[in-house]
């Protein structure tokens, strides 16, 4: 009897295990059999410090990317990104990148110095290393810009003014103030740390999540839905359009697309690429 009970138990466990295996999410159905392009998101601070964002970087917390020390570190960073072996490079610029390609040509053929901008310092170097002949500018404005600048903008203006009333990226709630302290510390880290180590930190999973969390406090809580609608109209819309522009790039399954954008964009783009079965997202720190 004891042997019969053990046999029955073993049979039950085998059936249960088989059933559990058969209930795995059928993700393979969504994956193209020929494979999909790989994508690497590279979130960066703006090397030229235009200070156009809500959080301004003080002069003492700005690094000189053209200094001898930082140029050595930059080559190390570019060498790390080269492990991805990009076949296409996407940058934070408009779709007409002719002026960037002319600048690249002047650097290559006329010895014009690279500017203290991430496109020059990172994208141009990767273009040269992998013999790429173009850059893909995929930046976009949000739908709020369209609404404010179309023939019907007068009809939308009152609505937009109401939605964005008080949305000034300046908030003094407890969470926003903690984010300000975090940004200040982050600026100091960029000065103290080796450039590659800093990029690994700022492109880590936790940093990406928390960076996007900054958009969900402060002005986001204006009115019942004003803050949420404002975020959707200007920021979420902009990044969805950036993603759509990247989708418009003709890519083959064996393409490897490196996306170089300001760090603030990466939270949404990371979610979009991670969820899309049409791309394989390569994590920055997995290189």
Protein backbone atom coordinates (compact mmCIF):
# COMPACT_ATOMS: atom_id res chain seq x y z
CA UNK A 1 0.00 0.00 0.00
CA UNK A 2 2.81 2.36 0.93
CA UNK A 3 4.50 1.77 -2.45
CA UNK A 4 1.20 2.42 -4.25
CA UNK A 5 0.77 5.71 -2.41
CA UNK A 6 4.31 6.80 -3.28
CA UNK A 7 3.75 5.88 -6.91
CA UNK A 8 0.50 7.86 -7.01
CA UNK A 9 2.21 10.86 -5.39
CA UNK A 10 5.05 10.73 -7.89
CA UNK A 11 2.54 10.54 -10.76
CA UNK A 12 0.61 13.53 -9.35
CA UNK A 13 3.77 15.62 -9.04
CA UNK A 14 4.80 14.74 -12.59
CA UNK A 15 1.39 15.75 -13.97
CA UNK A 16 1.39 18.95 -11.89
CA UNK A 17 4.87 19.85 -13.14
CA UNK A 18 3.85 19.22 -16.75
CA UNK A 19 0.73 21.35 -16.33
CA UNK A 20 2.77 24.20 -14.80
CA UNK A 21 5.18 24.10 -17.73
CA UNK A 22 2.29 24.20 -20.19
CA UNK A 23 0.91 27.38 -18.59
CA UNK A 24 4.01 29.50 -19.27
CA UNK A 25 3.17 32.68 -21.17
CA UNK A 26 3.34 31.81 -24.89
CA UNK A 27 5.76 34.63 -25.71
CA UNK A 28 7.39 32.73 -28.54
CA UNK A 29 4.23 33.22 -30.64
CA UNK A 30 4.96 36.97 -30.73
CA UNK A 31 8.60 36.65 -31.75
CA UNK A 32 9.47 36.83 -35.45
CA UNK A 33 11.22 33.57 -36.46
CA UNK A 34 13.89 35.51 -38.39
CA UNK A 35 14.81 37.52 -35.28
CA UNK A 36 14.46 41.23 -34.47
CA UNK A 37 16.84 44.22 -34.36
CA UNK A 38 18.68 44.79 -31.08
CA UNK A 39 18.46 48.20 -29.39
CA UNK A 40 20.83 49.80 -26.88
CA UNK A 41 19.55 52.90 -25.06
CA UNK A 42 22.29 55.30 -23.95
CA UNK A 43 21.03 58.02 -21.63
CA UNK A 44 23.41 60.96 -21.39
CA UNK A 45 23.72 64.39 -19.84
CA UNK A 46 24.23 67.19 -22.35
CA UNK A 47 27.97 67.76 -22.60
CA UNK A 48 27.55 71.41 -23.58
CA UNK A 49 25.29 72.19 -20.59
CA UNK A 50 22.68 74.29 -22.43
CA UNK A 51 20.71 74.30 -19.13
CA UNK A 52 17.38 74.23 -20.95
CA UNK A 53 15.89 71.69 -18.53
CA UNK A 54 14.09 72.56 -15.31
CA UNK A 55 17.09 71.51 -13.22
CA UNK A 56 20.10 73.74 -13.91
CA UNK A 57 23.68 72.55 -13.43
CA UNK A 58 25.89 75.06 -11.63
CA UNK A 59 29.24 75.96 -13.17
CA UNK A 60 31.24 74.12 -10.48
CA UNK A 61 29.32 70.90 -11.24
CA UNK A 62 29.97 71.03 -14.98
CA UNK A 63 32.72 68.90 -16.46
CA UNK A 64 34.96 69.97 -19.31
CA UNK A 65 34.48 67.13 -21.76
CA UNK A 66 37.33 68.51 -23.90
CA UNK A 67 39.88 68.31 -21.08
CA UNK A 68 42.69 65.79 -21.47
CA UNK A 69 41.42 63.68 -18.57
CA UNK A 70 37.85 63.52 -19.80
CA UNK A 71 38.93 62.78 -23.37
CA UNK A 72 40.78 59.71 -22.11
CA UNK A 73 37.68 58.67 -20.15
CA UNK A 74 35.49 59.37 -23.17
CA UNK A 75 37.50 57.00 -25.33
CA UNK A 76 36.97 54.35 -22.64
CA UNK A 77 33.21 55.01 -22.74
CA UNK A 78 33.13 54.82 -26.55
CA UNK A 79 35.14 51.60 -26.39
CA UNK A 80 32.53 50.14 -24.03
CA UNK A 81 29.66 51.17 -26.34
CA UNK A 82 31.56 49.68 -29.28
CA UNK A 83 31.00 46.24 -27.74
CA UNK A 84 27.42 46.60 -28.97
CA UNK A 85 28.72 46.87 -32.58
CA UNK A 86 26.05 49.33 -33.77
CA UNK A 87 24.91 49.28 -37.37
CA UNK A 88 22.67 52.33 -36.89
CA UNK A 89 23.00 55.30 -34.54
CA UNK A 90 19.98 57.37 -33.46
CA UNK A 91 20.53 60.83 -31.95
CA UNK A 92 18.52 63.57 -30.27
CA UNK A 93 18.13 65.75 -33.35
CA UNK A 94 15.51 66.48 -35.98
CA UNK A 95 15.01 64.11 -38.88
CA UNK A 96 17.08 66.30 -41.22
CA UNK A 97 20.61 65.43 -40.07
CA UNK A 98 22.41 66.89 -43.08
CA UNK A 99 24.08 69.57 -40.96
CA UNK A 100 25.40 66.90 -38.61
CA UNK A 101 26.77 64.83 -41.48
CA UNK A 102 28.50 67.89 -42.92
CA UNK A 103 30.03 68.54 -39.50
CA UNK A 104 31.15 64.91 -39.34
CA UNK A 105 32.74 65.26 -42.80
CA UNK A 106 34.61 68.40 -41.76
CA UNK A 107 35.99 66.56 -38.72
CA UNK A 108 37.02 63.59 -40.82
CA UNK A 109 38.44 65.39 -43.83
CA UNK A 110 39.32 68.91 -42.72
CA UNK A 111 40.39 68.35 -39.13
CA UNK A 112 37.67 70.54 -37.63
CA UNK A 113 37.62 69.91 -33.85
CA UNK A 114 34.75 68.01 -32.33
CA UNK A 115 32.35 70.20 -30.39
CA UNK A 116 31.63 69.62 -26.69
CA UNK A 117 28.38 67.85 -27.53
CA UNK A 118 27.47 64.21 -27.05
CA UNK A 119 26.61 63.73 -30.74
CA UNK A 120 30.12 64.82 -31.76
CA UNK A 121 31.97 63.13 -28.94
CA UNK A 122 30.13 59.79 -28.94
CA UNK A 123 28.05 59.34 -32.12
CA UNK A 124 30.72 60.64 -34.52
CA UNK A 125 33.38 58.40 -33.03
CA UNK A 126 31.13 55.34 -33.33
CA UNK A 127 30.29 56.28 -36.92
CA UNK A 128 33.97 56.34 -37.80
CA UNK A 129 34.81 53.12 -35.98
CA UNK A 130 32.03 51.15 -37.68
CA UNK A 131 32.16 52.93 -41.06
CA UNK A 132 28.57 54.19 -40.82
CA UNK A 133 27.49 56.73 -43.42
CA UNK A 134 24.53 58.34 -41.68
CA UNK A 135 22.91 59.36 -38.41
CA UNK A 136 19.21 59.06 -37.70
CA UNK A 137 17.65 62.08 -36.01
CA UNK A 138 14.50 60.93 -34.26
CA UNK A 139 13.57 63.78 -31.92
CA UNK A 140 10.02 65.14 -32.01
CA UNK A 141 7.76 67.72 -30.40
CA UNK A 142 4.72 66.68 -28.37
CA UNK A 143 1.13 66.99 -29.52
CA UNK A 144 0.81 70.15 -27.40
CA UNK A 145 3.16 71.87 -29.87
CA UNK A 146 0.95 70.86 -32.78
CA UNK A 147 -2.16 72.07 -30.99
CA UNK A 148 -0.56 75.44 -30.24
CA UNK A 149 0.87 75.99 -33.73
CA UNK A 150 -1.76 74.75 -36.19
CA UNK A 151 -4.36 76.76 -38.07
CA UNK A 152 -6.81 75.84 -35.32
CA UNK A 153 -4.49 76.88 -32.49
CA UNK A 154 -6.92 79.57 -31.28
CA UNK A 155 -9.48 76.88 -30.58
CA UNK A 156 -6.96 74.86 -28.59
CA UNK A 157 -5.27 77.76 -26.79
CA UNK A 158 -7.83 78.15 -24.02
CA UNK A 159 -7.76 74.41 -23.35
CA UNK A 160 -3.96 74.28 -23.30
CA UNK A 161 -3.69 77.35 -21.06
CA UNK A 162 -6.03 75.66 -18.60
CA UNK A 163 -4.18 72.35 -18.63
CA UNK A 164 -0.74 73.92 -18.24
CA UNK A 165 -1.73 76.57 -15.70
CA UNK A 166 0.79 76.35 -12.86
CA UNK A 167 2.84 73.65 -14.64
CA UNK A 168 6.22 75.33 -14.32
CA UNK A 169 8.50 72.45 -13.21
CA UNK A 170 9.03 74.28 -9.90
CA UNK A 171 7.51 72.44 -6.94
CA UNK A 172 8.14 72.45 -3.20
CA UNK A 173 6.37 69.26 -2.13
CA UNK A 174 8.48 66.87 -0.08
CA UNK A 175 9.14 64.39 -2.91
CA UNK A 176 10.12 67.11 -5.40
CA UNK A 177 12.54 68.61 -2.88
CA UNK A 178 14.13 65.18 -2.36
CA UNK A 179 14.48 64.86 -6.13
CA UNK A 180 16.25 68.24 -6.20
CA UNK A 181 18.73 66.93 -3.62
CA UNK A 182 19.19 63.79 -5.71
CA UNK A 183 19.86 65.85 -8.85
CA UNK A 184 22.41 67.97 -7.00
CA UNK A 185 24.19 64.83 -5.78
CA UNK A 186 24.01 63.33 -9.28
CA UNK A 187 25.72 66.43 -10.71
CA UNK A 188 28.54 66.07 -8.20
CA UNK A 189 28.87 62.36 -9.01
CA UNK A 190 29.35 63.19 -12.69
CA UNK A 191 32.30 65.37 -11.70
CA UNK A 192 33.88 62.91 -9.25
CA UNK A 193 33.36 59.66 -11.12
CA UNK A 194 35.08 58.17 -14.11
CA UNK A 195 32.87 58.85 -17.15
CA UNK A 196 32.17 55.20 -17.98
CA UNK A 197 31.37 54.38 -14.35
CA UNK A 198 28.99 57.33 -14.23
CA UNK A 199 27.23 56.22 -17.41
CA UNK A 200 26.87 52.70 -15.99
CA UNK A 201 25.32 54.17 -12.86
CA UNK A 202 22.97 56.59 -14.61
CA UNK A 203 21.85 53.91 -17.10
CA UNK A 204 21.20 51.28 -14.42
CA UNK A 205 17.68 49.90 -14.03
CA UNK A 206 17.11 51.67 -10.69
CA UNK A 207 18.38 55.03 -11.96
CA UNK A 208 16.12 54.83 -15.03
CA UNK A 209 13.05 54.03 -12.92
CA UNK A 210 13.69 56.77 -10.37
CA UNK A 211 14.49 59.35 -13.05
CA UNK A 212 11.07 58.80 -14.58
CA UNK A 213 9.49 58.98 -11.13
CA UNK A 214 10.41 62.68 -11.01
CA UNK A 215 7.65 63.34 -13.55
CA UNK A 216 5.03 61.77 -11.27
CA UNK A 217 5.24 64.25 -8.39
CA UNK A 218 5.09 68.02 -8.07
CA UNK A 219 3.27 69.52 -11.07
CA UNK A 220 1.86 66.11 -11.96
CA UNK A 221 -0.56 66.56 -9.04
CA UNK A 222 -2.02 69.86 -10.27
CA UNK A 223 -5.82 69.83 -10.25
CA UNK A 224 -7.72 66.59 -10.69
CA UNK A 225 -6.08 65.63 -13.98
CA UNK A 226 -4.38 68.82 -15.24
CA UNK A 227 -0.88 67.64 -14.34
CA UNK A 228 -1.49 64.19 -15.78
CA UNK A 229 -2.92 65.64 -19.00
CA UNK A 230 -0.03 68.09 -19.32
CA UNK A 231 2.52 65.28 -18.96
CA UNK A 232 0.68 63.23 -21.56
CA UNK A 233 0.45 66.13 -24.00
CA UNK A 234 4.03 67.33 -23.92
CA UNK A 235 6.30 64.59 -22.54
CA UNK A 236 4.67 61.23 -23.05
CA UNK A 237 3.52 62.31 -26.50
CA UNK A 238 7.02 63.48 -27.40
CA UNK A 239 8.62 60.20 -26.42
CA UNK A 240 5.96 58.10 -28.13
CA UNK A 241 6.71 60.08 -31.28
CA UNK A 242 10.44 59.52 -30.82
CA UNK A 243 9.73 55.79 -30.58
CA UNK A 244 7.57 56.03 -33.72
CA UNK A 245 10.39 57.79 -35.58
CA UNK A 246 12.73 54.94 -34.64
CA UNK A 247 10.14 52.46 -35.90
CA UNK A 248 10.23 54.27 -39.23
CA UNK A 249 13.91 53.44 -39.69
CA UNK A 250 14.17 50.50 -42.08
CA UNK A 251 15.90 47.87 -39.99
CA UNK A 252 16.80 44.26 -40.66
CA UNK A 253 16.77 41.49 -38.03
CA UNK A 254 20.55 41.64 -37.72
CA UNK A 255 20.66 45.43 -37.20
CA UNK A 256 21.93 46.81 -33.92
CA UNK A 257 20.46 50.24 -33.17
CA UNK A 258 22.21 52.49 -30.64
CA UNK A 259 19.93 55.28 -29.35
CA UNK A 260 21.77 58.28 -27.83
CA UNK A 261 19.34 60.61 -26.04
CA UNK A 262 19.17 62.77 -22.95
CA UNK A 263 18.68 60.68 -19.80
CA UNK A 264 15.21 62.07 -19.14
CA UNK A 265 13.87 60.29 -22.23
CA UNK A 266 15.16 56.86 -21.32
CA UNK A 267 12.47 55.95 -18.75
CA UNK A 268 9.68 55.97 -21.32
CA UNK A 269 11.80 54.65 -24.20
CA UNK A 270 13.03 51.80 -22.01
CA UNK A 271 9.44 50.77 -21.27
CA UNK A 272 8.44 50.98 -24.94
CA UNK A 273 11.35 48.94 -26.27
CA UNK A 274 11.14 46.43 -23.43
CA UNK A 275 7.45 45.79 -24.20
CA UNK A 276 7.69 45.73 -28.00
CA UNK A 277 8.16 42.26 -29.54
CA UNK A 278 9.63 43.98 -32.62
CA UNK A 279 12.92 44.79 -30.85
CA UNK A 280 15.29 43.15 -28.40
CA UNK A 281 16.39 45.62 -25.73
CA UNK A 282 20.00 45.18 -24.65
CA UNK A 283 20.60 46.48 -21.13
CA UNK A 284 23.38 49.03 -20.86
CA UNK A 285 25.21 47.23 -18.06
CA UNK A 286 24.98 43.88 -19.87
CA UNK A 287 27.64 44.86 -22.40
